[in-house]
Structures are given as C-alpha cells and as structure tokens.
Amino acid sequence: SKQPAENLIARALAEIDFHLVAAPAYLAEHGMPTAPQDLAQHQAILPSYTDVSGLTLQGRGEKHAVHLQAAIHSNNTQMLYQLVCAGAGIGYLPEWLLRADLQTGRLRRLLPDYRTAPVPFYAVYTQRKLLSAKVRSFIDFMVEKAASDASLQSPPSRSTERRAGSLNSQETTSEA
C-alpha cells in the first residue's frame, strides 16, 4: 500500500488478507478466471486505499504480476462490496468482509490456489506529545481488537510504531 508521509507516525495494527472475488451471476456471464493472466479480461471493482497497481499473486510455486482493469475505484469498502455482490465486476476485498458470503456461495473466491501479500493496517497520527487521551485510548483499543481478531495477522515483529517514512528502522523519539 502507499506509505504515509514522512512527517507522520504510523503504528502497525495488523495485516489484512484480501481476496479476489466475484458474484456467481458475474461469473456466469463473463466466465471464471482459471489462471492469473485471465484477470486482465475482467472489469475490476478496486479499493483506492491500497496500491493494486503492482499486485502479485503467489501460488503453485510461481509468482504472477497481474494488472486489473479498474471499472471503479473507491475508498468506500462497503460500496465496493455491494457492487461486487451485484455482479458489477470482480473485487479485491478484505477477507473479514467476505467470510460469510464465501461460506454461503453469495460470492466465489477467484484463483483460490493463489495469495496476495497481506495489506498493512496502520493508525497514523502527527505527534505523540499532543495526542489526546481519547485518540490514544482509541489506538490502544484498535491494537487490542486487531490482536484478538483471528482473521487479522499480527504486524511484523519489528517495532510497531515508527516514523512513516522509515520502513526498516525504529521511530525516532524527538518531535519536531
């Protein structure tokens, strides 16, 4: 996903699995993709809050870079979900949202032998010094909630709080 600006502090909360899915009605009309390269033939309903331009599918001992033809981009996950359920295209959506629909058959997972890298989920803020008690409590609540949700993965073991621009180092403690 796109990294927050360097002047922000990002606290890793979890990593979220996303899946490629479609409604049975869409698949009946447009066909079921059987290989990663087949995805280019389909219209996609995509989130704008994560970078899907370099999406890589890994499975069957191979890695495939895929390019999805976006019919719609949005930062509204619920709207994307409703469009996919209505058969408007294939979707790239979070597993926690899809779980019940995959079990009931309302949606079908595409290329189930392939996985994408999980999408990191962050709490992002400007500085610790002036962080209100309400915001700090909310962030602590989100950390606890993310840790207790079996569908979310724990963030990488490195420091969970860092300057947004420093992927491989811990956050500096001085505030500007």
C-alpha atoms as a PDB file:
ATOM      1  CA  SER A   1       0.000   0.000   0.000  1.00  0.00           C
ATOM      2  CA  LYS A   2       1.030   3.606  -0.259  1.00  0.00           C
ATOM      3  CA  GLN A   3       3.188   4.769   2.640  1.00  0.00           C
ATOM      4  CA  PRO A   4       2.069   7.721   4.802  1.00  0.00           C
ATOM      5  CA  ALA A   5       4.030  10.966   4.621  1.00  0.00           C
ATOM      6  CA  GLU A   6       7.353  11.026   6.498  1.00  0.00           C
ATOM      7  CA  ASN A   7       6.161  13.652   8.998  1.00  0.00           C
ATOM      8  CA  LEU A   8       3.545  11.218  10.337  1.00  0.00           C
ATOM      9  CA  ILE A   9       3.866   8.453  12.895  1.00  0.00           C
ATOM     10  CA  ALA A  10       2.430   5.113  11.808  1.00  0.00           C
ATOM     11  CA  ARG A  11       1.598   2.385  14.309  1.00  0.00           C
ATOM     12  CA  ALA A  12       1.157  -1.021  12.699  1.00  0.00           C
ATOM     13  CA  LEU A  13      -2.055  -2.642  13.922  1.00  0.00           C
ATOM     14  CA  ALA A  14      -2.451  -5.687  11.709  1.00  0.00           C
ATOM     15  CA  GLU A  15      -2.040  -7.149   8.265  1.00  0.00           C
ATOM     16  CA  ILE A  16      -5.276  -7.880   6.429  1.00  0.00           C
ATOM     17  CA  ASP A  17      -5.729 -10.627   3.848  1.00  0.00           C
ATOM     18  CA  PHE A  18      -7.514  -9.508   0.691  1.00  0.00           C
ATOM     19  CA  HIS A  19      -9.053 -11.859  -1.885  1.00  0.00           C
ATOM     20  CA  LEU A  20     -10.190 -11.639  -5.473  1.00  0.00           C
ATOM     21  CA  VAL A  21     -13.907 -12.485  -5.588  1.00  0.00           C
ATOM     22  CA  ALA A  22     -16.939 -12.259  -7.850  1.00  0.00           C
ATOM     23  CA  ALA A  23     -20.661 -12.933  -7.721  1.00  0.00           C
ATOM     24  CA  PRO A  24     -21.905 -16.136  -9.382  1.00  0.00           C
ATOM     25  CA  ALA A  25     -24.049 -14.037 -11.773  1.00  0.00           C
ATOM     26  CA  TYR A  26     -20.963 -12.127 -12.962  1.00  0.00           C
ATOM     27  CA  LEU A  27     -19.038 -15.381 -13.450  1.00  0.00           C
ATOM     28  CA  ALA A  28     -21.937 -16.969 -15.366  1.00  0.00           C
ATOM     29  CA  GLU A  29     -21.877 -14.057 -17.810  1.00  0.00           C
ATOM     30  CA  HIS A  30     -18.120 -13.417 -18.066  1.00  0.00           C
ATOM     31  CA  GLY A  31     -16.524 -16.742 -17.149  1.00  0.00           C
ATOM     32  CA  MET A  32     -14.379 -17.925 -14.263  1.00  0.00           C
ATOM     33  CA  PRO A  33     -10.689 -16.969 -14.483  1.00  0.00           C
ATOM     34  CA  THR A  34      -8.586 -20.124 -14.323  1.00  0.00           C
ATOM     35  CA  ALA A  35      -5.127 -18.517 -14.415  1.00  0.00           C
ATOM     36  CA  PRO A  36      -3.725 -15.180 -13.199  1.00  0.00           C
ATOM     37  CA  GLN A  37      -3.394 -13.817 -16.755  1.00  0.00           C
ATOM     38  CA  ASP A  38      -7.175 -14.307 -17.245  1.00  0.00           C
ATOM     39  CA  LEU A  39      -7.827 -11.458 -14.774  1.00  0.00           C
ATOM     40  CA  ALA A  40      -6.887  -8.884 -17.436  1.00  0.00           C
ATOM     41  CA  GLN A  41     -10.072  -9.828 -19.336  1.00  0.00           C
ATOM     42  CA  HIS A  42     -12.345  -8.752 -16.463  1.00  0.00           C
ATOM     43  CA  GLN A  43     -13.613  -5.454 -15.097  1.00  0.00           C
ATOM     44  CA  ALA A  44     -12.455  -4.911 -11.532  1.00  0.00           C
ATOM     45  CA  ILE A  45     -14.010  -3.095  -8.592  1.00  0.00           C
ATOM     46  CA  LEU A  46     -10.978  -1.886  -6.630  1.00  0.00           C
ATOM     47  CA  PRO A  47     -10.154  -0.075  -3.406  1.00  0.00           C
ATOM     48  CA  SER A  48      -8.276   3.194  -3.761  1.00  0.00           C
ATOM     49  CA  TYR A  49      -6.850   2.954  -0.230  1.00  0.00           C
ATOM     50  CA  THR A  50      -4.337   0.252  -1.147  1.00  0.00           C
ATOM     51  CA  ASP A  51      -1.988   0.042  -4.115  1.00  0.00           C
ATOM     52  CA  VAL A  52      -3.198  -2.613  -6.545  1.00  0.00           C
ATOM     53  CA  SER A  53      -1.024  -1.449  -9.446  1.00  0.00           C
ATOM     54  CA  GLY A  54       1.721  -3.906  -8.525  1.00  0.00           C
ATOM     55  CA  LEU A  55      -0.475  -6.766  -7.361  1.00  0.00           C
ATOM     56  CA  THR A  56       1.370 -10.079  -7.289  1.00  0.00           C
ATOM     57  CA  LEU A  57      -0.309 -13.453  -6.979  1.00  0.00           C
ATOM     58  CA  GLN A  58       1.766 -16.230  -5.469  1.00  0.00           C
ATOM     59  CA  GLY A  59       0.810 -19.882  -5.693  1.00  0.00           C
ATOM     60  CA  ARG A  60       1.576 -23.206  -7.297  1.00  0.00           C
ATOM     61  CA  GLY A  61       5.264 -22.405  -6.804  1.00  0.00           C
ATOM     62  CA  GLU A  62       5.042 -19.300  -9.022  1.00  0.00           C
ATOM     63  CA  LYS A  63       4.643 -15.550  -8.760  1.00  0.00           C
ATOM     64  CA  HIS A  64       2.496 -13.627 -11.248  1.00  0.00           C
ATOM     65  CA  ALA A  65       2.281  -9.853 -11.582  1.00  0.00           C
ATOM     66  CA  VAL A  66      -1.294  -9.017 -12.553  1.00  0.00           C
ATOM     67  CA  HIS A  67      -2.865  -5.884 -13.930  1.00  0.00           C
ATOM     68  CA  LEU A  68      -6.517  -5.410 -13.107  1.00  0.00           C
ATOM     69  CA  GLN A  69      -8.695  -3.266 -15.398  1.00  0.00           C
ATOM     70  CA  ALA A  70     -10.472  -0.957 -12.950  1.00  0.00           C
ATOM     71  CA  ALA A  71     -14.104  -0.257 -13.757  1.00  0.00           C
ATOM     72  CA  ILE A  72     -14.437   1.547 -10.416  1.00  0.00           C
ATOM     73  CA  HIS A  73     -12.016   2.763  -7.733  1.00  0.00           C
ATOM     74  CA  SER A  74     -13.340   3.864  -4.356  1.00  0.00           C
ATOM     75  CA  ASN A  75     -12.220   4.326  -0.769  1.00  0.00           C
ATOM     76  CA  ASN A  76     -15.621   3.063   0.407  1.00  0.00           C
ATOM     77  CA  THR A  77     -15.262  -0.649   1.130  1.00  0.00           C
ATOM     78  CA  GLN A  78     -18.987  -1.178   1.686  1.00  0.00           C
ATOM     79  CA  MET A  79     -19.842   0.362  -1.686  1.00  0.00           C
ATOM     80  CA  LEU A  80     -17.246  -1.829  -3.431  1.00  0.00           C
ATOM     81  CA  TYR A  81     -18.637  -4.874  -1.648  1.00  0.00           C
ATOM     82  CA  GLN A  82     -22.213  -4.084  -2.732  1.00  0.00           C
ATOM     83  CA  LEU A  83     -21.097  -3.569  -6.346  1.00  0.00           C
ATOM     84  CA  VAL A  84     -19.275  -6.906  -6.391  1.00  0.00           C
ATOM     85  CA  CYS A  85     -22.293  -8.676  -4.842  1.00  0.00           C
ATOM     86  CA  ALA A  86     -24.487  -7.081  -7.531  1.00  0.00           C
ATOM     87  CA  GLY A  87     -22.274  -8.566 -10.261  1.00  0.00           C
ATOM     88  CA  ALA A  88     -20.601  -5.360 -11.484  1.00  0.00           C
ATOM     89  CA  GLY A  89     -17.155  -6.974 -11.727  1.00  0.00           C
ATOM     90  CA  ILE A  90     -14.501  -8.816  -9.814  1.00  0.00           C
ATOM     91  CA  GLY A  91     -13.462  -7.357  -6.478  1.00  0.00           C
ATOM     92  CA  TYR A  92     -10.323  -7.179  -4.381  1.00  0.00           C
ATOM     93  CA  LEU A  93     -11.723  -7.002  -0.860  1.00  0.00           C
ATOM     94  CA  PRO A  94     -10.730  -7.787   2.738  1.00  0.00           C
ATOM     95  CA  GLU A  95     -11.284 -11.327   3.964  1.00  0.00           C
ATOM     96  CA  TRP A  96     -13.141 -10.227   7.109  1.00  0.00           C
ATOM     97  CA  LEU A  97     -15.860  -8.693   4.945  1.00  0.00           C
ATOM     98  CA  LEU A  98     -16.179 -11.709   2.638  1.00  0.00           C
ATOM     99  CA  ARG A  99     -16.147 -14.574   5.124  1.00  0.00           C
ATOM    100  CA  ALA A 100     -19.917 -15.191   5.380  1.00  0.00           C
ATOM    101  CA  ASP A 101     -20.561 -14.654   1.649  1.00  0.00           C
ATOM    102  CA  LEU A 102     -17.841 -17.125   0.674  1.00  0.00           C
ATOM    103  CA  GLN A 103     -19.364 -19.719   3.009  1.00  0.00           C
ATOM    104  CA  THR A 104     -22.908 -19.232   1.651  1.00  0.00           C
ATOM    105  CA  GLY A 105     -21.856 -19.004  -2.010  1.00  0.00           C
ATOM    106  CA  ARG A 106     -23.069 -15.425  -2.468  1.00  0.00           C
ATOM    107  CA  LEU A 107     -19.510 -14.693  -3.624  1.00  0.00           C
ATOM    108  CA  ARG A 108     -16.881 -17.006  -5.090  1.00  0.00           C
ATOM    109  CA  ARG A 109     -13.178 -16.698  -4.493  1.00  0.00           C
ATOM    110  CA  LEU A 110     -11.162 -16.463  -7.696  1.00  0.00           C
ATOM    111  CA  LEU A 111      -7.939 -18.411  -8.135  1.00  0.00           C
ATOM    112  CA  PRO A 112      -8.034 -19.899  -4.603  1.00  0.00           C
ATOM    113  CA  ASP A 113      -4.620 -21.549  -5.089  1.00  0.00           C
ATOM    114  CA  TYR A 114      -3.040 -18.068  -5.225  1.00  0.00           C
ATOM    115  CA  ARG A 115      -2.499 -15.490  -2.500  1.00  0.00           C
ATOM    116  CA  THR A 116      -1.603 -11.829  -2.432  1.00  0.00           C
ATOM    117  CA  ALA A 117       0.579 -10.200   0.205  1.00  0.00           C
ATOM    118  CA  PRO A 118      -1.458  -9.010   3.192  1.00  0.00           C
ATOM    119  CA  VAL A 119      -2.293  -5.304   3.318  1.00  0.00           C
ATOM    120  CA  PRO A 120      -0.869  -3.434   6.338  1.00  0.00           C
ATOM    121  CA  PHE A 121      -3.331  -1.561   8.557  1.00  0.00           C
ATOM    122  CA  TYR A 122      -1.960   1.438  10.477  1.00  0.00           C
ATOM    123  CA  ALA A 123      -3.061   4.030  12.975  1.00  0.00           C
ATOM    124  CA  VAL A 124      -1.445   7.230  11.678  1.00  0.00           C
ATOM    125  CA  TYR A 125      -1.011  10.462  13.623  1.00  0.00           C
ATOM    126  CA  THR A 126       1.180  13.546  13.624  1.00  0.00           C
ATOM    127  CA  GLN A 127       2.897  13.515  17.026  1.00  0.00           C
ATOM    128  CA  ARG A 128       2.764  11.852  20.419  1.00  0.00           C
ATOM    129  CA  LYS A 129       3.179  14.970  22.574  1.00  0.00           C
ATOM    130  CA  LEU A 130      -0.209  16.448  21.730  1.00  0.00           C
ATOM    131  CA  LEU A 131      -2.093  13.198  21.249  1.00  0.00           C
ATOM    132  CA  SER A 132      -5.337  13.460  23.198  1.00  0.00           C
ATOM    133  CA  ALA A 133      -6.305  10.790  25.707  1.00  0.00           C
ATOM    134  CA  LYS A 134      -9.300   9.892  23.521  1.00  0.00           C
ATOM    135  CA  VAL A 135      -7.130   9.268  20.470  1.00  0.00           C
ATOM    136  CA  ARG A 136      -4.534   7.341  22.477  1.00  0.00           C
ATOM    137  CA  SER A 137      -7.320   5.202  24.002  1.00  0.00           C
ATOM    138  CA  PHE A 138      -8.792   4.579  20.557  1.00  0.00           C
ATOM    139  CA  ILE A 139      -5.416   3.484  19.169  1.00  0.00           C
ATOM    140  CA  ASP A 140      -4.883   1.164  22.161  1.00  0.00           C
ATOM    141  CA  PHE A 141      -8.381  -0.254  21.632  1.00  0.00           C
ATOM    142  CA  MET A 142      -7.638  -0.867  17.930  1.00  0.00           C
ATOM    143  CA  VAL A 143      -4.354  -2.610  18.792  1.00  0.00           C
ATOM    144  CA  GLU A 144      -6.187  -4.901  21.241  1.00  0.00           C
ATOM    145  CA  LYS A 145      -9.087  -5.529  18.840  1.00  0.00           C
ATOM    146  CA  ALA A 146      -6.759  -6.327  15.930  1.00  0.00           C
ATOM    147  CA  ALA A 147      -4.765  -8.729  18.128  1.00  0.00           C
ATOM    148  CA  SER A 148      -7.924 -10.611  19.127  1.00  0.00           C
ATOM    149  CA  ASP A 149      -9.385 -10.985  15.601  1.00  0.00           C
ATOM    150  CA  ALA A 150      -8.395 -14.327  14.128  1.00  0.00           C
ATOM    151  CA  SER A 151      -8.886 -13.071  10.545  1.00  0.00           C
ATOM    152  CA  LEU A 152      -6.165 -10.430  11.016  1.00  0.00           C
ATOM    153  CA  GLN A 153      -2.473 -11.180  11.140  1.00  0.00           C
ATOM    154  CA  SER A 154      -0.206  -9.580  13.691  1.00  0.00           C
ATOM    155  CA  PRO A 155       2.016  -6.891  12.222  1.00  0.00           C
ATOM    156  CA  PRO A 156       5.673  -7.728  11.575  1.00  0.00           C
ATOM    157  CA  SER A 157       7.679  -8.272  14.754  1.00  0.00           C
ATOM    158  CA  ARG A 158       9.787  -5.134  14.332  1.00  0.00           C
ATOM    159  CA  SER A 159       8.744  -2.061  16.317  1.00  0.00           C
ATOM    160  CA  THR A 160       5.049  -1.456  15.748  1.00  0.00           C
ATOM    161  CA  GLU A 161       5.389   2.322  15.936  1.00  0.00           C
ATOM    162  CA  ARG A 162       7.663   4.251  13.603  1.00  0.00           C
ATOM    163  CA  ARG A 163       8.041   7.332  11.517  1.00  0.00           C
ATOM    164  CA  ALA A 164       6.013   6.674   8.395  1.00  0.00           C
ATOM    165  CA  GLY A 165       8.980   7.155   6.082  1.00  0.00           C
ATOM    166  CA  SER A 166      11.279   4.690   7.849  1.00  0.00           C
ATOM    167  CA  LEU A 167      10.348   1.171   6.820  1.00  0.00           C
ATOM    168  CA  ASN A 168      13.420  -0.555   8.212  1.00  0.00           C
ATOM    169  CA  SER A 169      14.207   1.462  11.316  1.00  0.00           C
ATOM    170  CA  GLN A 170      12.536   2.262  14.588  1.00  0.00           C
ATOM    171  CA  GLU A 171      10.867   5.601  15.137  1.00  0.00           C
ATOM    172  CA  THR A 172      12.936   8.484  16.399  1.00  0.00           C
ATOM    173  CA  THR A 173      11.736   9.876  19.718  1.00  0.00           C
ATOM    174  CA  SER A 174      12.261  13.565  19.035  1.00  0.00           C
ATOM    175  CA  GLU A 175       9.239  15.533  17.942  1.00  0.00           C
ATOM    176  CA  ALA A 176       9.506  18.473  15.552  1.00  0.00           C
END
